[in-house]
Amino acid sequence: MDNATQSSNSAQFLNIKEFCEYVPGMTRALAAQLRYTGKGPKFIKPSSKLVIYRRSDVDDWLAANEHISTAELR
């Protein structure tokens, strides 16, 4: 696998730090709470301490939680 392919593949995934940087206002604690309650984006847990997110899943989750009025949240 060449460097361009590796870079492309790694750009598809976000580790927890990258996820928190990608989503405004996200913290590690909030991300953990969202995983626990099932209200966050889909995630992958390849080991007991590693959590990664597909960038496309995060984008889909953000789009699904887009609102134009607080009245929609009732």
PDB file of N, CA and C in Angstrom:
ATOM      1  N   MET A   1       0.854  -1.169   0.000  1.00  0.00           N
ATOM      2  CA  MET A   1       0.000   0.000   0.000  1.00  0.00           C
ATOM      3  C   MET A   1       0.903   1.235   0.000  1.00  0.00           C
ATOM      4  N   ASP A   2       0.661   2.165  -0.898  1.00  0.00           N
ATOM      5  CA  ASP A   2       1.494   3.359  -0.955  1.00  0.00           C
ATOM      6  C   ASP A   2       1.030   4.399   0.065  1.00  0.00           C
ATOM      7  N   ASN A   3       1.841   5.432   0.250  1.00  0.00           N
ATOM      8  CA  ASN A   3       1.536   6.461   1.250  1.00  0.00           C
ATOM      9  C   ASN A   3       0.243   7.194   0.959  1.00  0.00           C
ATOM     10  N   ALA A   4      -0.075   7.437  -0.309  1.00  0.00           N
ATOM     11  CA  ALA A   4      -1.311   8.135  -0.666  1.00  0.00           C
ATOM     12  C   ALA A   4      -2.527   7.315  -0.258  1.00  0.00           C
ATOM     13  N   THR A   5      -2.469   6.001  -0.449  1.00  0.00           N
ATOM     14  CA  THR A   5      -3.574   5.126  -0.075  1.00  0.00           C
ATOM     15  C   THR A   5      -3.717   5.078   1.443  1.00  0.00           C
ATOM     16  N   GLN A   6      -2.603   4.972   2.165  1.00  0.00           N
ATOM     17  CA  GLN A   6      -2.653   4.961   3.622  1.00  0.00           C
ATOM     18  C   GLN A   6      -3.224   6.267   4.147  1.00  0.00           C
ATOM     19  N   SER A   7      -2.806   7.375   3.572  1.00  0.00           N
ATOM     20  CA  SER A   7      -3.307   8.681   4.000  1.00  0.00           C
ATOM     21  C   SER A   7      -4.801   8.795   3.729  1.00  0.00           C
ATOM     22  N   SER A   8      -5.244   8.303   2.580  1.00  0.00           N
ATOM     23  CA  SER A   8      -6.665   8.336   2.223  1.00  0.00           C
ATOM     24  C   SER A   8      -7.484   7.486   3.186  1.00  0.00           C
ATOM     25  N   ASN A   9      -6.979   6.300   3.517  1.00  0.00           N
ATOM     26  CA  ASN A   9      -7.688   5.416   4.444  1.00  0.00           C
ATOM     27  C   ASN A   9      -7.753   6.019   5.840  1.00  0.00           C
ATOM     28  N   SER A  10      -6.658   6.593   6.328  1.00  0.00           N
ATOM     29  CA  SER A  10      -6.666   7.159   7.670  1.00  0.00           C
ATOM     30  C   SER A  10      -7.539   8.405   7.730  1.00  0.00           C
ATOM     31  N   ALA A  11      -7.692   9.116   6.620  1.00  0.00           N
ATOM     32  CA  ALA A  11      -8.546  10.310   6.596  1.00  0.00           C
ATOM     33  C   ALA A  11     -10.015   9.928   6.719  1.00  0.00           C
ATOM     34  N   GLN A  12     -10.352   8.676   6.426  1.00  0.00           N
ATOM     35  CA  GLN A  12     -11.733   8.211   6.528  1.00  0.00           C
ATOM     36  C   GLN A  12     -12.142   7.963   7.972  1.00  0.00           C
ATOM     37  N   PHE A  13     -11.175   7.842   8.864  1.00  0.00           N
ATOM     38  CA  PHE A  13     -11.440   7.523  10.262  1.00  0.00           C
ATOM     39  C   PHE A  13     -10.948   8.633  11.179  1.00  0.00           C
ATOM     40  N   LEU A  14     -11.644   8.796  12.299  1.00  0.00           N
ATOM     41  CA  LEU A  14     -11.263   9.784  13.305  1.00  0.00           C
ATOM     42  C   LEU A  14     -11.059   9.069  14.636  1.00  0.00           C
ATOM     43  N   ASN A  15      -9.936   9.313  15.284  1.00  0.00           N
ATOM     44  CA  ASN A  15      -9.791   8.804  16.650  1.00  0.00           C
ATOM     45  C   ASN A  15     -10.543   9.760  17.569  1.00  0.00           C
ATOM     46  N   ILE A  16     -10.558   9.514  18.851  1.00  0.00           N
ATOM     47  CA  ILE A  16     -11.373  10.312  19.767  1.00  0.00           C
ATOM     48  C   ILE A  16     -10.922  11.772  19.784  1.00  0.00           C
ATOM     49  N   LYS A  17      -9.621  12.006  19.738  1.00  0.00           N
ATOM     50  CA  LYS A  17      -9.117  13.385  19.723  1.00  0.00           C
ATOM     51  C   LYS A  17      -9.564  14.107  18.458  1.00  0.00           C
ATOM     52  N   GLU A  18      -9.434  13.447  17.312  1.00  0.00           N
ATOM     53  CA  GLU A  18      -9.842  14.048  16.041  1.00  0.00           C
ATOM     54  C   GLU A  18     -11.353  14.269  15.996  1.00  0.00           C
ATOM     55  N   PHE A  19     -12.109  13.323  16.553  1.00  0.00           N
ATOM     56  CA  PHE A  19     -13.568  13.463  16.619  1.00  0.00           C
ATOM     57  C   PHE A  19     -13.950  14.706  17.421  1.00  0.00           C
ATOM     58  N   CYS A  20     -13.299  14.894  18.572  1.00  0.00           N
ATOM     59  CA  CYS A  20     -13.591  16.060  19.416  1.00  0.00           C
ATOM     60  C   CYS A  20     -13.208  17.361  18.720  1.00  0.00           C
ATOM     61  N   GLU A  21     -12.152  17.345  17.937  1.00  0.00           N
ATOM     62  CA  GLU A  21     -11.742  18.535  17.190  1.00  0.00           C
ATOM     63  C   GLU A  21     -12.681  18.793  16.009  1.00  0.00           C
ATOM     64  N   TYR A  22     -13.209  17.742  15.420  1.00  0.00           N
ATOM     65  CA  TYR A  22     -14.061  17.843  14.229  1.00  0.00           C
ATOM     66  C   TYR A  22     -15.447  18.384  14.570  1.00  0.00           C
ATOM     67  N   VAL A  23     -15.979  18.002  15.716  1.00  0.00           N
ATOM     68  CA  VAL A  23     -17.327  18.415  16.119  1.00  0.00           C
ATOM     69  C   VAL A  23     -17.210  19.564  17.130  1.00  0.00           C
ATOM     70  N   PRO A  24     -17.693  20.754  16.769  1.00  0.00           N
ATOM     71  CA  PRO A  24     -17.584  21.898  17.694  1.00  0.00           C
ATOM     72  C   PRO A  24     -18.247  21.603  19.042  1.00  0.00           C
ATOM     73  N   GLY A  25     -17.525  21.899  20.120  1.00  0.00           N
ATOM     74  CA  GLY A  25     -18.062  21.721  21.462  1.00  0.00           C
ATOM     75  C   GLY A  25     -17.980  20.309  22.015  1.00  0.00           C
ATOM     76  N   MET A  26     -17.487  19.369  21.225  1.00  0.00           N
ATOM     77  CA  MET A  26     -17.406  17.979  21.681  1.00  0.00           C
ATOM     78  C   MET A  26     -16.228  17.807  22.630  1.00  0.00           C
ATOM     79  N   THR A  27     -16.460  17.052  23.690  1.00  0.00           N
ATOM     80  CA  THR A  27     -15.398  16.698  24.639  1.00  0.00           C
ATOM     81  C   THR A  27     -15.322  15.182  24.729  1.00  0.00           C
ATOM     82  N   ARG A  28     -14.253  14.684  25.304  1.00  0.00           N
ATOM     83  CA  ARG A  28     -14.125  13.233  25.490  1.00  0.00           C
ATOM     84  C   ARG A  28     -15.254  12.702  26.371  1.00  0.00           C
ATOM     85  N   ALA A  29     -15.590  13.457  27.416  1.00  0.00           N
ATOM     86  CA  ALA A  29     -16.647  13.020  28.333  1.00  0.00           C
ATOM     87  C   ALA A  29     -18.004  12.982  27.633  1.00  0.00           C
ATOM     88  N   LEU A  30     -18.299  13.994  26.839  1.00  0.00           N
ATOM     89  CA  LEU A  30     -19.571  14.018  26.113  1.00  0.00           C
ATOM     90  C   LEU A  30     -19.622  12.896  25.086  1.00  0.00           C
ATOM     91  N   ALA A  31     -18.505  12.652  24.398  1.00  0.00           N
ATOM     92  CA  ALA A  31     -18.451  11.554  23.423  1.00  0.00           C
ATOM     93  C   ALA A  31     -18.713  10.215  24.113  1.00  0.00           C
ATOM     94  N   ALA A  32     -18.126  10.026  25.286  1.00  0.00           N
ATOM     95  CA  ALA A  32     -18.343   8.783  26.037  1.00  0.00           C
ATOM     96  C   ALA A  32     -19.806   8.645  26.442  1.00  0.00           C
ATOM     97  N   GLN A  33     -20.412   9.737  26.876  1.00  0.00           N
ATOM     98  CA  GLN A  33     -21.831   9.705  27.264  1.00  0.00           C
ATOM     99  C   GLN A  33     -22.714   9.385  26.062  1.00  0.00           C
ATOM    100  N   LEU A  34     -22.403   9.968  24.917  1.00  0.00           N
ATOM    101  CA  LEU A  34     -23.183   9.702  23.702  1.00  0.00           C
ATOM    102  C   LEU A  34     -23.047   8.238  23.278  1.00  0.00           C
ATOM    103  N   ARG A  35     -21.848   7.667  23.419  1.00  0.00           N
ATOM    104  CA  ARG A  35     -21.669   6.241  23.107  1.00  0.00           C
ATOM    105  C   ARG A  35     -22.477   5.386  24.072  1.00  0.00           C
ATOM    106  N   TYR A  36     -22.441   5.716  25.352  1.00  0.00           N
ATOM    107  CA  TYR A  36     -23.134   4.949  26.384  1.00  0.00           C
ATOM    108  C   TYR A  36     -24.649   4.961  26.168  1.00  0.00           C
ATOM    109  N   THR A  37     -25.194   6.124  25.831  1.00  0.00           N
ATOM    110  CA  THR A  37     -26.647   6.249  25.651  1.00  0.00           C
ATOM    111  C   THR A  37     -27.114   5.859  24.255  1.00  0.00           C
ATOM    112  N   GLY A  38     -26.170   5.676  23.338  1.00  0.00           N
ATOM    113  CA  GLY A  38     -26.532   5.324  21.970  1.00  0.00           C
ATOM    114  C   GLY A  38     -27.040   6.502  21.157  1.00  0.00           C
ATOM    115  N   LYS A  39     -26.762   7.723  21.619  1.00  0.00           N
ATOM    116  CA  LYS A  39     -27.247   8.918  20.927  1.00  0.00           C
ATOM    117  C   LYS A  39     -26.205   9.550  20.015  1.00  0.00           C
ATOM    118  N   GLY A  40     -25.012   9.018  20.006  1.00  0.00           N
ATOM    119  CA  GLY A  40     -23.943   9.570  19.179  1.00  0.00           C
ATOM    120  C   GLY A  40     -23.843   8.850  17.847  1.00  0.00           C
ATOM    121  N   PRO A  41     -22.821   9.194  17.077  1.00  0.00           N
ATOM    122  CA  PRO A  41     -22.615   8.519  15.798  1.00  0.00           C
ATOM    123  C   PRO A  41     -22.143   7.080  16.006  1.00  0.00           C
ATOM    124  N   LYS A  42     -22.319   6.267  14.974  1.00  0.00           N
ATOM    125  CA  LYS A  42     -21.801   4.901  15.036  1.00  0.00           C
ATOM    126  C   LYS A  42     -20.297   4.965  15.263  1.00  0.00           C
ATOM    127  N   PHE A  43     -19.770   4.009  16.002  1.00  0.00           N
ATOM    128  CA  PHE A  43     -18.342   3.976  16.288  1.00  0.00           C
ATOM    129  C   PHE A  43     -17.829   2.558  16.176  1.00  0.00           C
ATOM    130  N   ILE A  44     -16.532   2.443  16.087  1.00  0.00           N
ATOM    131  CA  ILE A  44     -15.852   1.154  15.978  1.00  0.00           C
ATOM    132  C   ILE A  44     -14.921   1.041  17.178  1.00  0.00           C
ATOM    133  N   LYS A  45     -14.928  -0.108  17.804  1.00  0.00           N
ATOM    134  CA  LYS A  45     -14.093  -0.332  18.987  1.00  0.00           C
ATOM    135  C   LYS A  45     -13.243  -1.580  18.739  1.00  0.00           C
ATOM    136  N   PRO A  46     -12.103  -1.403  18.019  1.00  0.00           N
ATOM    137  CA  PRO A  46     -11.280  -2.565  17.679  1.00  0.00           C
ATOM    138  C   PRO A  46     -10.528  -3.171  18.858  1.00  0.00           C
ATOM    139  N   SER A  47     -10.423  -2.418  19.952  1.00  0.00           N
ATOM    140  CA  SER A  47      -9.814  -2.966  21.169  1.00  0.00           C
ATOM    141  C   SER A  47     -10.500  -2.316  22.365  1.00  0.00           C
ATOM    142  N   SER A  48     -10.170  -2.790  23.542  1.00  0.00           N
ATOM    143  CA  SER A  48     -10.874  -2.298  24.728  1.00  0.00           C
ATOM    144  C   SER A  48     -10.635  -0.816  25.005  1.00  0.00           C
ATOM    145  N   LYS A  49      -9.549  -0.252  24.509  1.00  0.00           N
ATOM    146  CA  LYS A  49      -9.237   1.144  24.797  1.00  0.00           C
ATOM    147  C   LYS A  49      -9.280   2.057  23.577  1.00  0.00           C
ATOM    148  N   LEU A  50      -9.516   1.507  22.408  1.00  0.00           N
ATOM    149  CA  LEU A  50      -9.495   2.314  21.186  1.00  0.00           C
ATOM    150  C   LEU A  50     -10.900   2.465  20.616  1.00  0.00           C
ATOM    151  N   VAL A  51     -11.289   3.714  20.384  1.00  0.00           N
ATOM    152  CA  VAL A  51     -12.572   4.023  19.748  1.00  0.00           C
ATOM    153  C   VAL A  51     -12.260   4.866  18.524  1.00  0.00           C
ATOM    154  N   ILE A  52     -12.827   4.490  17.376  1.00  0.00           N
ATOM    155  CA  ILE A  52     -12.666   5.291  16.169  1.00  0.00           C
ATOM    156  C   ILE A  52     -14.031   5.479  15.516  1.00  0.00           C
ATOM    157  N   TYR A  53     -14.127   6.530  14.740  1.00  0.00           N
ATOM    158  CA  TYR A  53     -15.358   6.871  14.044  1.00  0.00           C
ATOM    159  C   TYR A  53     -15.069   7.001  12.555  1.00  0.00           C
ATOM    160  N   ARG A  54     -15.982   6.539  11.720  1.00  0.00           N
ATOM    161  CA  ARG A  54     -15.889   6.840  10.293  1.00  0.00           C
ATOM    162  C   ARG A  54     -16.346   8.280  10.108  1.00  0.00           C
ATOM    163  N   ARG A  55     -15.582   9.057   9.363  1.00  0.00           N
ATOM    164  CA  ARG A  55     -15.943  10.449   9.124  1.00  0.00           C
ATOM    165  C   ARG A  55     -17.342  10.534   8.499  1.00  0.00           C
ATOM    166  N   SER A  56     -17.679   9.619   7.618  1.00  0.00           N
ATOM    167  CA  SER A  56     -18.999   9.636   6.973  1.00  0.00           C
ATOM    168  C   SER A  56     -20.114   9.390   7.995  1.00  0.00           C
ATOM    169  N   ASP A  57     -19.876   8.531   8.999  1.00  0.00           N
ATOM    170  CA  ASP A  57     -20.885   8.293  10.041  1.00  0.00           C
ATOM    171  C   ASP A  57     -21.079   9.538  10.905  1.00  0.00           C
ATOM    172  N   VAL A  58     -19.991  10.235  11.179  1.00  0.00           N
ATOM    173  CA  VAL A  58     -20.088  11.473  11.963  1.00  0.00           C
ATOM    174  C   VAL A  58     -20.863  12.525  11.173  1.00  0.00           C
ATOM    175  N   ASP A  59     -20.549  12.654   9.890  1.00  0.00           N
ATOM    176  CA  ASP A  59     -21.265  13.609   9.040  1.00  0.00           C
ATOM    177  C   ASP A  59     -22.753  13.273   8.964  1.00  0.00           C
ATOM    178  N   ASP A  60     -23.081  11.992   8.829  1.00  0.00           N
ATOM    179  CA  ASP A  60     -24.490  11.562   8.787  1.00  0.00           C
ATOM    180  C   ASP A  60     -25.191  11.884  10.099  1.00  0.00           C
ATOM    181  N   TRP A  61     -24.529  11.643  11.220  1.00  0.00           N
ATOM    182  CA  TRP A  61     -25.094  11.915  12.538  1.00  0.00           C
ATOM    183  C   TRP A  61     -25.339  13.408  12.721  1.00  0.00           C
ATOM    184  N   LEU A  62     -24.377  14.217  12.302  1.00  0.00           N
ATOM    185  CA  LEU A  62     -24.548  15.667  12.398  1.00  0.00           C
ATOM    186  C   LEU A  62     -25.735  16.125  11.552  1.00  0.00           C
ATOM    187  N   ALA A  63     -25.846  15.606  10.335  1.00  0.00           N
ATOM    188  CA  ALA A  63     -26.949  15.985   9.450  1.00  0.00           C
ATOM    189  C   ALA A  63     -28.292  15.555  10.032  1.00  0.00           C
ATOM    190  N   ALA A  64     -28.336  14.385  10.659  1.00  0.00           N
ATOM    191  CA  ALA A  64     -29.580  13.875  11.235  1.00  0.00           C
ATOM    192  C   ALA A  64     -30.016  14.681  12.461  1.00  0.00           C
ATOM    193  N   ASN A  65     -29.083  15.405  13.063  1.00  0.00           N
ATOM    194  CA  ASN A  65     -29.382  16.191  14.253  1.00  0.00           C
ATOM    195  C   ASN A  65     -29.458  17.684  13.959  1.00  0.00           C
ATOM    196  N   GLU A  66     -29.643  18.000  12.699  1.00  0.00           N
ATOM    197  CA  GLU A  66     -29.754  19.394  12.288  1.00  0.00           C
ATOM    198  C   GLU A  66     -31.185  19.866  12.508  1.00  0.00           C
ATOM    199  N   HIS A  67     -31.334  21.034  13.120  1.00  0.00           N
ATOM    200  CA  HIS A  67     -32.671  21.594  13.421  1.00  0.00           C
ATOM    201  C   HIS A  67     -32.707  23.059  13.015  1.00  0.00           C
ATOM    202  N   ILE A  68     -33.907  23.546  12.734  1.00  0.00           N
ATOM    203  CA  ILE A  68     -34.052  24.955  12.416  1.00  0.00           C
ATOM    204  C   ILE A  68     -34.786  25.719  13.525  1.00  0.00           C
ATOM    205  N   SER A  69     -35.304  24.990  14.498  1.00  0.00           N
ATOM    206  CA  SER A  69     -36.040  25.611  15.583  1.00  0.00           C
ATOM    207  C   SER A  69     -35.939  24.763  16.839  1.00  0.00           C
ATOM    208  N   THR A  70     -35.873  25.409  17.994  1.00  0.00           N
ATOM    209  CA  THR A  70     -35.847  24.643  19.239  1.00  0.00           C
ATOM    210  C   THR A  70     -37.181  23.960  19.496  1.00  0.00           C
ATOM    211  N   ALA A  71     -38.243  24.436  18.854  1.00  0.00           N
ATOM    212  CA  ALA A  71     -39.553  23.807  19.002  1.00  0.00           C
ATOM    213  C   ALA A  71     -39.556  22.385  18.460  1.00  0.00           C
ATOM    214  N   GLU A  72     -38.659  22.093  17.518  1.00  0.00           N
ATOM    215  CA  GLU A  72     -38.571  20.735  16.957  1.00  0.00           C
ATOM    216  C   GLU A  72     -38.080  19.720  17.983  1.00  0.00           C
ATOM    217  N   LEU A  73     -37.417  20.179  19.018  1.00  0.00           N
ATOM    218  CA  LEU A  73     -36.787  19.282  19.971  1.00  0.00           C
ATOM    219  C   LEU A  73     -37.751  18.754  21.018  1.00  0.00           C
ATOM    220  N   ARG A  74     -38.981  19.214  21.025  1.00  0.00           N
ATOM    221  CA  ARG A  74     -39.967  18.780  22.044  1.00  0.00           C
ATOM    222  C   ARG A  74     -40.434  17.390  21.820  1.00  0.00           C
TER     223      ARG A  74
END
